[in-house]
Amino acid sequence: LEEEHMVRVALEQLGDRCRTLLTLLYFQETPPSYVDVAAVLQIPTGSVGPYRARCLQQLRDLLLEIGF
């Protein structure tokens, strides 16, 4: 439970777009396609993967800062 709480705290510190992207991809029972994610975020489909990588790195950095 403590680790789950730390992830949620870190997610709250992300910008809106990163939080939305990661929530769509990792917190849905059935993750949407990159086409659907791109439509929600209003970015090109080919940008979803690189954007996801940057957002995950930001999340990792935040988790390290809070002692995960």
N, C-alpha and C. Protein backbone atom coordinates (compact mmCIF):
# COMPACT_ATOMS: atom_id res chain seq x y z
N LEU A 1 0.82 -1.20 0.00
CA LEU A 1 0.00 0.00 0.00
C LEU A 1 0.86 1.26 0.00
N GLU A 2 1.99 1.19 0.71
CA GLU A 2 2.86 2.35 0.76
C GLU A 2 3.44 2.67 -0.62
N GLU A 3 3.84 1.63 -1.35
CA GLU A 3 4.39 1.85 -2.70
C GLU A 3 3.32 2.41 -3.63
N GLU A 4 2.10 1.89 -3.52
CA GLU A 4 1.00 2.41 -4.34
C GLU A 4 0.76 3.88 -4.04
N HIS A 5 0.81 4.24 -2.78
CA HIS A 5 0.64 5.63 -2.38
C HIS A 5 1.75 6.51 -2.98
N MET A 6 2.98 6.02 -2.95
CA MET A 6 4.10 6.79 -3.49
C MET A 6 3.94 7.00 -5.00
N VAL A 7 3.46 6.00 -5.70
CA VAL A 7 3.23 6.14 -7.14
C VAL A 7 2.15 7.18 -7.38
N ARG A 8 1.09 7.14 -6.61
CA ARG A 8 0.02 8.13 -6.78
C ARG A 8 0.50 9.55 -6.47
N VAL A 9 1.32 9.70 -5.44
CA VAL A 9 1.89 11.01 -5.10
C VAL A 9 2.75 11.51 -6.25
N ALA A 10 3.59 10.65 -6.80
CA ALA A 10 4.44 11.04 -7.93
C ALA A 10 3.60 11.39 -9.15
N LEU A 11 2.58 10.61 -9.43
CA LEU A 11 1.70 10.91 -10.57
C LEU A 11 1.06 12.29 -10.44
N GLU A 12 0.67 12.64 -9.22
CA GLU A 12 0.04 13.95 -8.99
C GLU A 12 1.01 15.09 -9.28
N GLN A 13 2.29 14.83 -9.18
CA GLN A 13 3.29 15.87 -9.41
C GLN A 13 3.64 16.03 -10.88
N LEU A 14 3.25 15.09 -11.71
CA LEU A 14 3.48 15.19 -13.15
C LEU A 14 2.57 16.25 -13.76
N GLY A 15 2.96 16.73 -14.92
CA GLY A 15 2.08 17.63 -15.65
C GLY A 15 0.83 16.89 -16.11
N ASP A 16 -0.18 17.64 -16.47
CA ASP A 16 -1.48 17.06 -16.86
C ASP A 16 -1.35 16.06 -18.00
N ARG A 17 -0.58 16.41 -19.02
CA ARG A 17 -0.49 15.52 -20.19
C ARG A 17 0.18 14.20 -19.84
N CYS A 18 1.26 14.26 -19.07
CA CYS A 18 1.94 13.02 -18.67
C CYS A 18 1.02 12.19 -17.77
N ARG A 19 0.37 12.84 -16.84
CA ARG A 19 -0.54 12.12 -15.94
C ARG A 19 -1.65 11.45 -16.75
N THR A 20 -2.21 12.16 -17.71
CA THR A 20 -3.27 11.60 -18.54
C THR A 20 -2.75 10.43 -19.36
N LEU A 21 -1.60 10.60 -19.98
CA LEU A 21 -1.01 9.54 -20.80
C LEU A 21 -0.77 8.28 -19.98
N LEU A 22 -0.12 8.42 -18.84
CA LEU A 22 0.20 7.24 -18.03
C LEU A 22 -1.05 6.60 -17.45
N THR A 23 -2.02 7.42 -17.10
CA THR A 23 -3.29 6.88 -16.59
C THR A 23 -3.99 6.08 -17.67
N LEU A 24 -4.02 6.61 -18.88
CA LEU A 24 -4.65 5.90 -19.98
C LEU A 24 -3.95 4.57 -20.27
N LEU A 25 -2.63 4.60 -20.29
CA LEU A 25 -1.87 3.41 -20.69
C LEU A 25 -1.74 2.36 -19.59
N TYR A 26 -1.72 2.78 -18.33
CA TYR A 26 -1.38 1.83 -17.27
C TYR A 26 -2.44 1.64 -16.18
N PHE A 27 -3.47 2.47 -16.18
CA PHE A 27 -4.46 2.36 -15.11
C PHE A 27 -5.86 2.08 -15.64
N GLN A 28 -5.95 1.58 -16.86
CA GLN A 28 -7.23 1.20 -17.45
C GLN A 28 -7.29 -0.32 -17.53
N GLU A 29 -8.45 -0.87 -17.36
CA GLU A 29 -8.57 -2.32 -17.47
C GLU A 29 -8.12 -2.80 -18.85
N THR A 30 -8.55 -2.07 -19.87
CA THR A 30 -8.13 -2.35 -21.24
C THR A 30 -7.48 -1.08 -21.78
N PRO A 31 -6.14 -1.07 -21.88
CA PRO A 31 -5.48 0.14 -22.36
C PRO A 31 -5.91 0.48 -23.79
N PRO A 32 -6.07 1.77 -24.08
CA PRO A 32 -6.45 2.18 -25.43
C PRO A 32 -5.26 2.03 -26.38
N SER A 33 -5.56 2.06 -27.66
CA SER A 33 -4.50 2.03 -28.68
C SER A 33 -3.77 3.37 -28.68
N TYR A 34 -2.59 3.36 -29.27
CA TYR A 34 -1.84 4.61 -29.39
C TYR A 34 -2.63 5.63 -30.23
N VAL A 35 -3.41 5.15 -31.18
CA VAL A 35 -4.24 6.06 -32.00
C VAL A 35 -5.23 6.79 -31.10
N ASP A 36 -5.86 6.04 -30.18
CA ASP A 36 -6.83 6.65 -29.27
C ASP A 36 -6.14 7.59 -28.28
N VAL A 37 -4.99 7.19 -27.78
CA VAL A 37 -4.25 8.04 -26.85
C VAL A 37 -3.84 9.34 -27.55
N ALA A 38 -3.36 9.21 -28.77
CA ALA A 38 -2.96 10.39 -29.54
C ALA A 38 -4.14 11.34 -29.74
N ALA A 39 -5.32 10.79 -29.98
CA ALA A 39 -6.51 11.63 -30.16
C ALA A 39 -6.85 12.38 -28.87
N VAL A 40 -6.77 11.69 -27.75
CA VAL A 40 -7.08 12.33 -26.47
C VAL A 40 -6.08 13.45 -26.17
N LEU A 41 -4.80 13.18 -26.41
CA LEU A 41 -3.77 14.16 -26.11
C LEU A 41 -3.55 15.18 -27.22
N GLN A 42 -4.18 14.94 -28.36
CA GLN A 42 -4.05 15.81 -29.53
C GLN A 42 -2.59 15.93 -29.96
N ILE A 43 -1.95 14.75 -30.11
CA ILE A 43 -0.57 14.68 -30.60
C ILE A 43 -0.54 13.64 -31.72
N PRO A 44 0.49 13.66 -32.56
CA PRO A 44 0.60 12.65 -33.61
C PRO A 44 0.76 11.25 -32.99
N THR A 45 0.20 10.25 -33.64
CA THR A 45 0.28 8.88 -33.14
C THR A 45 1.74 8.44 -32.94
N GLY A 46 2.61 8.82 -33.85
CA GLY A 46 4.01 8.46 -33.75
C GLY A 46 4.73 9.10 -32.58
N SER A 47 4.12 10.10 -31.95
CA SER A 47 4.74 10.77 -30.81
C SER A 47 4.38 10.12 -29.48
N VAL A 48 3.40 9.22 -29.49
CA VAL A 48 2.94 8.62 -28.23
C VAL A 48 4.06 7.83 -27.55
N GLY A 49 4.77 6.99 -28.29
CA GLY A 49 5.84 6.18 -27.70
C GLY A 49 6.94 7.02 -27.09
N PRO A 50 7.52 7.96 -27.84
CA PRO A 50 8.56 8.82 -27.26
C PRO A 50 8.04 9.65 -26.08
N TYR A 51 6.81 10.13 -26.19
CA TYR A 51 6.23 10.91 -25.10
C TYR A 51 6.05 10.03 -23.86
N ARG A 52 5.62 8.80 -24.07
CA ARG A 52 5.46 7.84 -22.98
C ARG A 52 6.80 7.61 -22.29
N ALA A 53 7.86 7.46 -23.07
CA ALA A 53 9.19 7.23 -22.50
C ALA A 53 9.62 8.42 -21.65
N ARG A 54 9.39 9.63 -22.12
CA ARG A 54 9.75 10.82 -21.35
C ARG A 54 8.94 10.92 -20.07
N CYS A 55 7.66 10.60 -20.15
CA CYS A 55 6.79 10.67 -18.97
C CYS A 55 7.20 9.61 -17.94
N LEU A 56 7.53 8.41 -18.41
CA LEU A 56 7.97 7.37 -17.48
C LEU A 56 9.28 7.76 -16.81
N GLN A 57 10.18 8.42 -17.54
CA GLN A 57 11.43 8.87 -16.94
C GLN A 57 11.16 9.93 -15.88
N GLN A 58 10.24 10.83 -16.16
CA GLN A 58 9.87 11.84 -15.17
C GLN A 58 9.28 11.18 -13.93
N LEU A 59 8.44 10.18 -14.13
CA LEU A 59 7.85 9.46 -13.01
C LEU A 59 8.94 8.76 -12.19
N ARG A 60 9.87 8.10 -12.86
CA ARG A 60 10.99 7.44 -12.17
C ARG A 60 11.78 8.45 -11.33
N ASP A 61 12.07 9.60 -11.92
CA ASP A 61 12.84 10.62 -11.21
C ASP A 61 12.09 11.10 -9.97
N LEU A 62 10.79 11.32 -10.10
CA LEU A 62 9.98 11.75 -8.96
C LEU A 62 9.94 10.68 -7.88
N LEU A 63 9.81 9.43 -8.30
CA LEU A 63 9.76 8.33 -7.32
C LEU A 63 11.09 8.24 -6.57
N LEU A 64 12.20 8.41 -7.25
CA LEU A 64 13.51 8.40 -6.58
C LEU A 64 13.63 9.55 -5.58
N GLU A 65 13.10 10.71 -5.96
CA GLU A 65 13.14 11.88 -5.07
C GLU A 65 12.39 11.63 -3.77
N ILE A 66 11.29 10.88 -3.85
CA ILE A 66 10.49 10.66 -2.64
C ILE A 66 10.85 9.35 -1.94
N GLY A 67 11.92 8.70 -2.39
CA GLY A 67 12.44 7.54 -1.69
C GLY A 67 11.83 6.22 -2.04
N PHE A 68 11.32 6.07 -3.23
CA PHE A 68 10.72 4.80 -3.65
C PHE A 68 11.78 3.77 -3.84
